[in-house]
Amino acid sequence: QTVISIVVGVVAFRAASRFIRTQRSTGFFIAKRVACATTMANWSMRAGLGKLESIKKIDGLWMAICDHSIGFGPFKLFVVLRLTQSTHRTAIQAKRGITLADVEVVHLEIGSKSNAQIVYQSLNKLYHKIGTPVATITDQGSDLIAGLRLYNALQPPIAMISDLSHIQGNLLKAMYKKAPWFISLTAIASSGS
């Protein structure tokens, strides 16, 4: 009960113990002892890792959404999400965008560098385990594109789709890269101010 309250986002890890102690007085929680926030976070991470390691092939068509995180110190997180054709069709029929609830995390990998060979090896291993998508959506990062091109050269090809928001951003960058206001804006954004 404790972990479920936190996983569904009702209570933050740091507040969970106090929340449960308060709820215990109402008879809602019957546990005599309450785990600390670190224990609950560890249980949640272990459950997430178990779910990630149990990813299987599925019937039906799906697309992969691949991206690298901004980074954690010297490390980057390579993420692959699975979006099924049926879920995508449902979102289109409902005239809404894709949400986190529509996708499944099928791959997380932390690395200190990324290049075509690393992306290829990660995707090749993943797709042998869970099946091959019909398409891959990326932000057009050079390492992702090079890795996908390498994959397509050595395996049956997968369609490569550009993430529309990144295409628009790159077009705006090309249009305004010499404008003083744009140079100032990107400098501020880069400095984190």
C-alpha atoms as a PDB file:
ATOM      1  CA  GLN A   1       0.000   0.000   0.000  1.00  0.00           C
ATOM      2  CA  THR A   2       2.811   2.378   0.900  1.00  0.00           C
ATOM      3  CA  VAL A   3       4.699   2.021  -2.345  1.00  0.00           C
ATOM      4  CA  ILE A   4       1.521   2.083  -4.448  1.00  0.00           C
ATOM      5  CA  SER A   5       0.495   5.432  -2.938  1.00  0.00           C
ATOM      6  CA  ILE A   6       3.834   6.853  -3.994  1.00  0.00           C
ATOM      7  CA  VAL A   7       4.137   5.186  -7.407  1.00  0.00           C
ATOM      8  CA  VAL A   8       0.774   6.524  -8.570  1.00  0.00           C
ATOM      9  CA  GLY A   9       1.981   9.995  -7.685  1.00  0.00           C
ATOM     10  CA  VAL A  10      -0.314  10.741  -4.768  1.00  0.00           C
ATOM     11  CA  VAL A  11       2.540  11.305  -2.335  1.00  0.00           C
ATOM     12  CA  ALA A  12       6.211  12.232  -2.830  1.00  0.00           C
ATOM     13  CA  PHE A  13       8.868   9.890  -1.411  1.00  0.00           C
ATOM     14  CA  ARG A  14      10.041  12.441   1.176  1.00  0.00           C
ATOM     15  CA  ALA A  15       6.515  12.951   2.525  1.00  0.00           C
ATOM     16  CA  ALA A  16       5.377   9.340   2.354  1.00  0.00           C
ATOM     17  CA  SER A  17       6.289   8.236   5.876  1.00  0.00           C
ATOM     18  CA  ARG A  18       4.552  11.208   7.475  1.00  0.00           C
ATOM     19  CA  PHE A  19       1.530  10.764   5.203  1.00  0.00           C
ATOM     20  CA  ILE A  20       1.183   7.096   6.131  1.00  0.00           C
ATOM     21  CA  ARG A  21       1.584   7.786   9.866  1.00  0.00           C
ATOM     22  CA  THR A  22      -1.210  10.335   9.577  1.00  0.00           C
ATOM     23  CA  GLN A  23      -3.409   7.949   7.612  1.00  0.00           C
ATOM     24  CA  ARG A  24      -2.694   5.116  10.051  1.00  0.00           C
ATOM     25  CA  SER A  25      -4.507   7.023  12.796  1.00  0.00           C
ATOM     26  CA  THR A  26      -7.658   6.933  10.646  1.00  0.00           C
ATOM     27  CA  GLY A  27      -7.386   3.161  10.211  1.00  0.00           C
ATOM     28  CA  PHE A  28      -6.694   3.453   6.484  1.00  0.00           C
ATOM     29  CA  PHE A  29      -3.201   1.926   6.743  1.00  0.00           C
ATOM     30  CA  ILE A  30      -2.885  -1.025   9.080  1.00  0.00           C
ATOM     31  CA  ALA A  31       0.887  -1.523   8.901  1.00  0.00           C
ATOM     32  CA  LYS A  32       2.602  -1.143  12.293  1.00  0.00           C
ATOM     33  CA  ARG A  33       5.888   0.086  10.808  1.00  0.00           C
ATOM     34  CA  VAL A  34       6.427   2.588   8.039  1.00  0.00           C
ATOM     35  CA  ALA A  35       9.335   2.342   5.638  1.00  0.00           C
ATOM     36  CA  CYS A  36      11.602   5.356   5.234  1.00  0.00           C
ATOM     37  CA  ALA A  37      11.652   7.365   2.007  1.00  0.00           C
ATOM     38  CA  THR A  38      14.903   5.755   0.829  1.00  0.00           C
ATOM     39  CA  THR A  39      13.474   2.263   1.257  1.00  0.00           C
ATOM     40  CA  MET A  40      10.329   3.214  -0.650  1.00  0.00           C
ATOM     41  CA  ALA A  41      12.405   4.779  -3.442  1.00  0.00           C
ATOM     42  CA  ASN A  42      14.530   1.625  -3.642  1.00  0.00           C
ATOM     43  CA  TRP A  43      11.446  -0.597  -3.801  1.00  0.00           C
ATOM     44  CA  SER A  44       9.997   1.558  -6.572  1.00  0.00           C
ATOM     45  CA  MET A  45      13.252   1.479  -8.541  1.00  0.00           C
ATOM     46  CA  ARG A  46      13.505  -2.293  -8.120  1.00  0.00           C
ATOM     47  CA  ALA A  47       9.922  -2.675  -9.358  1.00  0.00           C
ATOM     48  CA  GLY A  48      10.705  -0.435 -12.350  1.00  0.00           C
ATOM     49  CA  LEU A  49      13.850  -2.401 -13.177  1.00  0.00           C
ATOM     50  CA  GLY A  50      11.900  -5.654 -12.940  1.00  0.00           C
ATOM     51  CA  LYS A  51       9.286  -4.290 -15.306  1.00  0.00           C
ATOM     52  CA  LEU A  52      11.968  -3.083 -17.729  1.00  0.00           C
ATOM     53  CA  GLU A  53      13.772  -6.444 -17.694  1.00  0.00           C
ATOM     54  CA  SER A  54      10.522  -8.304 -18.350  1.00  0.00           C
ATOM     55  CA  ILE A  55       9.707  -6.483 -21.611  1.00  0.00           C
ATOM     56  CA  LYS A  56       8.634  -8.983 -24.251  1.00  0.00           C
ATOM     57  CA  LYS A  57       7.736  -9.106 -27.936  1.00  0.00           C
ATOM     58  CA  ILE A  58       4.192  -8.055 -28.698  1.00  0.00           C
ATOM     59  CA  ASP A  59       1.729  -8.952 -31.412  1.00  0.00           C
ATOM     60  CA  GLY A  60       1.010  -6.080 -33.732  1.00  0.00           C
ATOM     61  CA  LEU A  61       2.936  -3.200 -35.197  1.00  0.00           C
ATOM     62  CA  TRP A  62       4.765  -0.600 -33.139  1.00  0.00           C
ATOM     63  CA  MET A  63       7.068   2.402 -33.445  1.00  0.00           C
ATOM     64  CA  ALA A  64      10.158   3.201 -31.406  1.00  0.00           C
ATOM     65  CA  ILE A  65      10.730   6.702 -30.049  1.00  0.00           C
ATOM     66  CA  CYS A  66      14.469   7.123 -29.375  1.00  0.00           C
ATOM     67  CA  ASP A  67      16.220   9.975 -27.596  1.00  0.00           C
ATOM     68  CA  HIS A  68      19.189  10.861 -25.446  1.00  0.00           C
ATOM     69  CA  SER A  69      18.648  12.818 -22.262  1.00  0.00           C
ATOM     70  CA  ILE A  70      20.384  16.133 -21.712  1.00  0.00           C
ATOM     71  CA  GLY A  71      22.747  14.326 -19.384  1.00  0.00           C
ATOM     72  CA  PHE A  72      23.622  13.660 -15.785  1.00  0.00           C
ATOM     73  CA  GLY A  73      27.123  14.969 -15.243  1.00  0.00           C
ATOM     74  CA  PRO A  74      29.310  13.140 -17.757  1.00  0.00           C
ATOM     75  CA  PHE A  75      26.569  10.604 -18.534  1.00  0.00           C
ATOM     76  CA  LYS A  76      23.671  10.521 -20.968  1.00  0.00           C
ATOM     77  CA  LEU A  77      20.586   8.368 -20.776  1.00  0.00           C
ATOM     78  CA  PHE A  78      19.519   6.575 -23.977  1.00  0.00           C
ATOM     79  CA  VAL A  79      15.758   5.982 -23.892  1.00  0.00           C
ATOM     80  CA  VAL A  80      13.591   3.926 -26.239  1.00  0.00           C
ATOM     81  CA  LEU A  81       9.798   4.044 -25.913  1.00  0.00           C
ATOM     82  CA  ARG A  82       7.332   1.684 -27.606  1.00  0.00           C
ATOM     83  CA  LEU A  83       4.166   3.118 -29.153  1.00  0.00           C
ATOM     84  CA  THR A  84       1.790   0.503 -30.542  1.00  0.00           C
ATOM     85  CA  GLN A  85      -0.142   1.090 -33.731  1.00  0.00           C
ATOM     86  CA  SER A  86      -3.453   0.548 -31.920  1.00  0.00           C
ATOM     87  CA  THR A  87      -2.592   3.118 -29.240  1.00  0.00           C
ATOM     88  CA  HIS A  88      -1.445   5.593 -31.882  1.00  0.00           C
ATOM     89  CA  ARG A  89      -4.667   5.054 -33.836  1.00  0.00           C
ATOM     90  CA  THR A  90      -6.731   5.608 -30.673  1.00  0.00           C
ATOM     91  CA  ALA A  91      -4.950   8.913 -29.999  1.00  0.00           C
ATOM     92  CA  ILE A  92      -5.558  10.064 -33.581  1.00  0.00           C
ATOM     93  CA  GLN A  93      -9.246   9.126 -33.419  1.00  0.00           C
ATOM     94  CA  ALA A  94      -9.561  11.011 -30.129  1.00  0.00           C
ATOM     95  CA  LYS A  95      -7.823  14.003 -31.773  1.00  0.00           C
ATOM     96  CA  ARG A  96      -5.181  14.201 -29.075  1.00  0.00           C
ATOM     97  CA  GLY A  97      -1.439  13.946 -28.860  1.00  0.00           C
ATOM     98  CA  ILE A  98       0.550  11.028 -27.524  1.00  0.00           C
ATOM     99  CA  THR A  99       0.920  11.008 -23.731  1.00  0.00           C
ATOM    100  CA  LEU A 100       3.219   9.145 -21.361  1.00  0.00           C
ATOM    101  CA  ALA A 101       0.370   6.729 -20.675  1.00  0.00           C
ATOM    102  CA  ASP A 102       0.408   5.775 -24.375  1.00  0.00           C
ATOM    103  CA  VAL A 103       4.005   4.564 -24.454  1.00  0.00           C
ATOM    104  CA  GLU A 104       6.013   1.857 -22.734  1.00  0.00           C
ATOM    105  CA  VAL A 105       9.650   2.275 -21.739  1.00  0.00           C
ATOM    106  CA  VAL A 106      11.475  -0.636 -23.365  1.00  0.00           C
ATOM    107  CA  HIS A 107      15.089   0.473 -23.000  1.00  0.00           C
ATOM    108  CA  LEU A 108      17.175   2.662 -20.677  1.00  0.00           C
ATOM    109  CA  GLU A 109      20.940   2.801 -20.990  1.00  0.00           C
ATOM    110  CA  ILE A 110      23.402   5.107 -19.278  1.00  0.00           C
ATOM    111  CA  GLY A 111      26.632   5.881 -21.089  1.00  0.00           C
ATOM    112  CA  SER A 112      29.461   8.390 -21.023  1.00  0.00           C
ATOM    113  CA  LYS A 113      29.488   8.663 -24.823  1.00  0.00           C
ATOM    114  CA  SER A 114      27.350   7.853 -27.811  1.00  0.00           C
ATOM    115  CA  ASN A 115      28.141   7.225 -31.444  1.00  0.00           C
ATOM    116  CA  ALA A 116      26.751   5.263 -34.386  1.00  0.00           C
ATOM    117  CA  GLN A 117      28.263   1.952 -33.251  1.00  0.00           C
ATOM    118  CA  ILE A 118      26.935   2.277 -29.681  1.00  0.00           C
ATOM    119  CA  VAL A 119      23.420   3.199 -30.889  1.00  0.00           C
ATOM    120  CA  TYR A 120      23.475   0.341 -33.425  1.00  0.00           C
ATOM    121  CA  GLN A 121      24.575  -2.221 -30.815  1.00  0.00           C
ATOM    122  CA  SER A 122      21.913  -1.060 -28.329  1.00  0.00           C
ATOM    123  CA  LEU A 123      19.106  -1.157 -30.891  1.00  0.00           C
ATOM    124  CA  ASN A 124      20.236  -4.459 -32.414  1.00  0.00           C
ATOM    125  CA  LYS A 125      20.269  -6.146 -28.995  1.00  0.00           C
ATOM    126  CA  LEU A 126      16.924  -4.583 -28.029  1.00  0.00           C
ATOM    127  CA  TYR A 127      15.160  -5.451 -31.292  1.00  0.00           C
ATOM    128  CA  HIS A 128      16.348  -9.056 -31.122  1.00  0.00           C
ATOM    129  CA  LYS A 129      14.739  -9.267 -27.684  1.00  0.00           C
ATOM    130  CA  ILE A 130      11.436  -7.439 -28.237  1.00  0.00           C
ATOM    131  CA  GLY A 131      10.956  -7.443 -32.009  1.00  0.00           C
ATOM    132  CA  THR A 132      11.563  -4.835 -34.665  1.00  0.00           C
ATOM    133  CA  PRO A 133       9.489  -1.662 -34.956  1.00  0.00           C
ATOM    134  CA  VAL A 134       8.058  -0.484 -38.268  1.00  0.00           C
ATOM    135  CA  ALA A 135       9.523   2.977 -37.716  1.00  0.00           C
ATOM    136  CA  THR A 136      11.792   4.925 -35.399  1.00  0.00           C
ATOM    137  CA  ILE A 137      11.078   8.513 -34.373  1.00  0.00           C
ATOM    138  CA  THR A 138      14.114  10.583 -33.348  1.00  0.00           C
ATOM    139  CA  ASP A 139      15.148  14.191 -32.795  1.00  0.00           C
ATOM    140  CA  GLN A 140      17.698  13.819 -35.613  1.00  0.00           C
ATOM    141  CA  GLY A 141      20.674  13.695 -33.239  1.00  0.00           C
ATOM    142  CA  SER A 142      23.731  12.835 -35.341  1.00  0.00           C
ATOM    143  CA  ASP A 143      24.591   9.733 -33.284  1.00  0.00           C
ATOM    144  CA  LEU A 144      21.019   8.436 -33.437  1.00  0.00           C
ATOM    145  CA  ILE A 145      20.725   8.982 -37.185  1.00  0.00           C
ATOM    146  CA  ALA A 146      24.133   7.400 -37.854  1.00  0.00           C
ATOM    147  CA  GLY A 147      23.248   4.424 -35.621  1.00  0.00           C
ATOM    148  CA  LEU A 148      19.903   3.943 -37.367  1.00  0.00           C
ATOM    149  CA  ARG A 149      21.545   4.180 -40.797  1.00  0.00           C
ATOM    150  CA  LEU A 150      24.042   1.533 -39.716  1.00  0.00           C
ATOM    151  CA  TYR A 151      21.189  -0.648 -38.438  1.00  0.00           C
ATOM    152  CA  ASN A 152      19.307  -0.209 -41.733  1.00  0.00           C
ATOM    153  CA  ALA A 153      22.434  -1.124 -43.719  1.00  0.00           C
ATOM    154  CA  LEU A 154      22.914  -4.383 -41.811  1.00  0.00           C
ATOM    155  CA  GLN A 155      19.307  -5.396 -41.032  1.00  0.00           C
ATOM    156  CA  PRO A 156      15.955  -5.155 -42.820  1.00  0.00           C
ATOM    157  CA  PRO A 157      15.402  -1.361 -42.920  1.00  0.00           C
ATOM    158  CA  ILE A 158      13.187   0.526 -40.515  1.00  0.00           C
ATOM    159  CA  ALA A 159      11.507   3.801 -41.529  1.00  0.00           C
ATOM    160  CA  MET A 160      13.137   6.840 -39.894  1.00  0.00           C
ATOM    161  CA  ILE A 161      10.775   9.649 -38.851  1.00  0.00           C
ATOM    162  CA  SER A 162      11.844  13.085 -37.649  1.00  0.00           C
ATOM    163  CA  ASP A 163      10.354  14.569 -34.507  1.00  0.00           C
ATOM    164  CA  LEU A 164       8.392  17.577 -35.791  1.00  0.00           C
ATOM    165  CA  SER A 165       9.233  19.876 -32.868  1.00  0.00           C
ATOM    166  CA  HIS A 166      12.960  19.426 -33.501  1.00  0.00           C
ATOM    167  CA  ILE A 167      12.512  20.068 -37.220  1.00  0.00           C
ATOM    168  CA  GLN A 168      10.729  23.340 -36.403  1.00  0.00           C
ATOM    169  CA  GLY A 169      13.407  24.301 -33.885  1.00  0.00           C
ATOM    170  CA  ASN A 170      16.194  23.643 -36.382  1.00  0.00           C
ATOM    171  CA  LEU A 171      14.401  25.716 -39.026  1.00  0.00           C
ATOM    172  CA  LEU A 172      14.012  28.640 -36.608  1.00  0.00           C
ATOM    173  CA  LYS A 173      17.651  28.326 -35.586  1.00  0.00           C
ATOM    174  CA  ALA A 174      18.751  28.458 -39.231  1.00  0.00           C
ATOM    175  CA  MET A 175      16.527  31.486 -39.902  1.00  0.00           C
ATOM    176  CA  TYR A 176      17.564  33.539 -36.876  1.00  0.00           C
ATOM    177  CA  LYS A 177      21.072  32.322 -36.008  1.00  0.00           C
ATOM    178  CA  LYS A 178      22.611  35.721 -36.841  1.00  0.00           C
ATOM    179  CA  ALA A 179      19.921  37.874 -35.201  1.00  0.00           C
ATOM    180  CA  PRO A 180      21.283  39.642 -32.072  1.00  0.00           C
ATOM    181  CA  TRP A 181      18.169  38.868 -30.009  1.00  0.00           C
ATOM    182  CA  PHE A 182      18.425  35.145 -30.906  1.00  0.00           C
ATOM    183  CA  ILE A 183      22.135  35.031 -30.049  1.00  0.00           C
ATOM    184  CA  SER A 184      21.339  36.632 -26.695  1.00  0.00           C
ATOM    185  CA  LEU A 185      18.442  34.259 -26.041  1.00  0.00           C
ATOM    186  CA  THR A 186      20.509  31.138 -26.787  1.00  0.00           C
ATOM    187  CA  ALA A 187      23.361  32.431 -24.617  1.00  0.00           C
ATOM    188  CA  ILE A 188      20.982  32.892 -21.682  1.00  0.00           C
ATOM    189  CA  ALA A 189      19.420  29.450 -22.258  1.00  0.00           C
ATOM    190  CA  SER A 190      22.852  27.809 -22.463  1.00  0.00           C
ATOM    191  CA  SER A 191      24.086  29.410 -19.254  1.00  0.00           C
ATOM    192  CA  GLY A 192      21.037  28.278 -17.291  1.00  0.00           C
ATOM    193  CA  SER A 193      20.294  31.831 -16.129  1.00  0.00           C
END
